[in-house]
Amino acid sequence: MRNSYQLARLFRSPTKITNRIYSRTYQRMSTHKNLLRFDYDAEQIKKQTDALIEKSRKVQDGVAALKEEERTFENVVMELSYEESEFATLESNLTFPGYVSTSKDVRDAASAAEVSISQFGIESGMRLDVYTAVKSIKDKFYNDLQQDQKRLLDRMVLDYERNGLGLDEEKRNKVMELKKELSKLCVDFSKNISEDKTTLLFTEQELDGCSNDFIQSLEKDVDTGKRKVTLKYPEILPVMRNCKVEETRKALDHAKASQCQEVNVSLFEKALKIRDEISKELGYKTHADYILDVRMAKNADTVFKFLNDLRDKLTPGGKQELQVLEKLKGGTIHSWDYNYYTRLLKETEYQVDEDAIKNYFPFENVFNGLLSIIQETFNLKFQEVTNPETWHADVRLFNVFDNDSGDFSGQFYLDLFPREGKYTHFAAFPLQCHYIKKDGSRQYPVSAMVCNFTKPTATAPSLLKHDEVVTLWHEFGHLAHGFTTKSKYGRFSGTSVERDFVEMPSQFMENYCWEKQALERLSSHYETNQPLPNDLIDKMIAAKNVGVALFNLRQLFFALFDMTCHTNPPPINSGELYEKLRLEVSLIPNHKGTNGAAGFGHVMGGYDAGYYGYLYSQVFSADMFSEFKEKGIFNKDVGSKYRKTVLETGGMKDGLEILKEFLGREPESGAFLQSIGLTK
């Protein structure tokens, strides 16, 4: 998951709870210790993984062994549901250390556990005997079930049938072999990109405009003395944004556009053929329809309608932005120019200095501001746990309570700073799902936010760039989706929703980072304690939308390319299609003779027929936030409705149903267009 604090100067402590509520919630919390363990060594992880898999297999064996006349909803469907819910939490004890442990042996063991559990998941999903038992419950008792029971049963049956278990043996085996072949193509495609060694050499003069620190960080070629630049983003992006030498940017952009072209084009086009074949065997019109059947969008027609409607609304703004950039350059804007001239426009027209801005965002102040806003708006209370049991001394643990009742809701961990061997990006990890156990008690949800913010020093606190403030809010959106959930079944807990819905609560949170009222509460200069000046806030908000129509048209291009590839019958000439759509949709031409599909990792890395989801969630999260804009961004009534309707529900309802219930209408794109400055 694209699944992160001060009532600023008024209310610095997120743990400031009245004695009455603190006492009551503390006593309740004492009976709800989570099931997480962070003390396993490598040998214990291996042993516990084997035991967990064996226990799960025995439950499945028991269900499969039931005679038809013995089967009930409770001893088949609920038995499997209880088992998968417990499995999900115990799995976290074994795999999560692979991302955060300080021990390489433990990380390696956890990674191996993840592979074993993944393989067991494939095995479980192909068990015809268990599917037969589950399907018999649907055939016999479906009309007698409650709505939430029907949803659970429907999803179980659908999961099996999407693996081919509803087919006869010959077709089932064919689908299995095709999936194995497809898996290898995807692995090889991704491996080719990750292992690509393409390197370009430039003199320091050819890198003019890049910072001296960046240039000095680049490896020097022994023979020529030139600097090496690879196609990895930490190296290529600073050059594309800052280098004044157009030929340098052009050469790098061409190399990126043709990356792995010789090996990956054939893999991609073969994968398109296999995906089409699998989807037809499973009864779907296209691969896109197969993928979208379990997404919020439901079918390819809905996605194309959404994308083309958005394209019509973005294109006029994109053309205007292109004219501004062309005027700044004094010539045609090419693909290697966009990042450079967009950055130049921001600096010259808006004078936004990120280094100066970050002095107003010391981490603790931002974090306390975030918590206070969430407490106020969504009627929650946070309490930091003293001396918690965690995987590292720097990790913090918070309890979450309902503000009115004092009822315990869940927990979250914060792992904020880099260290050797730790996951290097930002992410929220669901560690313990919420569900109603056999005895009627609740298992409470627990999540972790893993970050890599700059560590505080002896002379300065951890200071966040504004985009890091946005990232913090984004990931906290995933946490909130987790720690507020009240789903009855573990498989629908928190962020266990459709993939094109899962980013909406997190992207919804990002909106606060561009609101003056929120920025005033989040900011406090680490030396003067003054909030961001109004004129600087105005500049930041204005600069936010520089080049935004062109940026989103580029996203639309990728989404339309993805959808077109996965709805048209093969064979497909991906190079011709890529070049045609790139110019028509993004308005900026591609390099002739290149095929960017060869480096488009998303379409072979789990986002096939799914790239539209980035825009889908962005547009509809803006629509949800418009309810707050209308009635007040800290409005408790709207916040309580959002918490109950969107967050607490988890996957117990379809995402579109949740969205319409919160909005009271069909979702639309108007609020998104307004948020990026294309409409008033």
Foldseek 3Di string as FASTA:
>chain_A
DLAAAQLFPPRQDLAPDDPVLVVVLVVVVVVFDAPADQPDFLVRLVVLLVVLLVVLVVLLVVLLPDDLVRAECCSQLVSNQQSVQVSLQSLLNNQVCLFPFPDPSSVVSNVVSVVVVVVSVVVVLADLSSLVSLVSNCVPCVVVDDLLSNVSSVVSNVSSLLQPSVDPPVLNVVLVVLVVVLLVLLVVLVVLQVPPPDKDWDAVLQQPFQDPVLQVVFDADPPPRTGIADLDCVRLVSSLATGPRLVVLVVSQQCLLFRQVVPQVVSVLVSLQSLQVSCVSSPHQFSLQSQLCQFLQNGLVSLVVVLVVVLVLLVVVLVVLQVVLCVVVVHHDFPSNLNHSLNVCLCVPLVADQVVVLLFFFPSQLHRLVSVLLCLQQQKGKRKDPPDDDSDPVKTKIWMARNPPSHTQAMEIEAEADDPSHNAAWAKAWNRFWAQHPVRDINHTYMYIHYHFDCADPVGGGTDGLVVSLVNQLHVLQVLLQRRAHEHTRCQGRLNAGPLASSQSSLLSSVLSLDPVSQQSRTARRVHGHGDDPSNSVSVLVSVLNSVSLVVLQLSLVLVLLSVSGNDNDDDPQQVSSQVSCCVRSVHGRDPPGHSVSVPSCCSPPCRSNSSSVVSSNQLSLQLCVVCVVVPNSHRVLSNLCSVQPRHHGHSDHSQVSSCVSNVHHGDRVSVCVSSPSDD
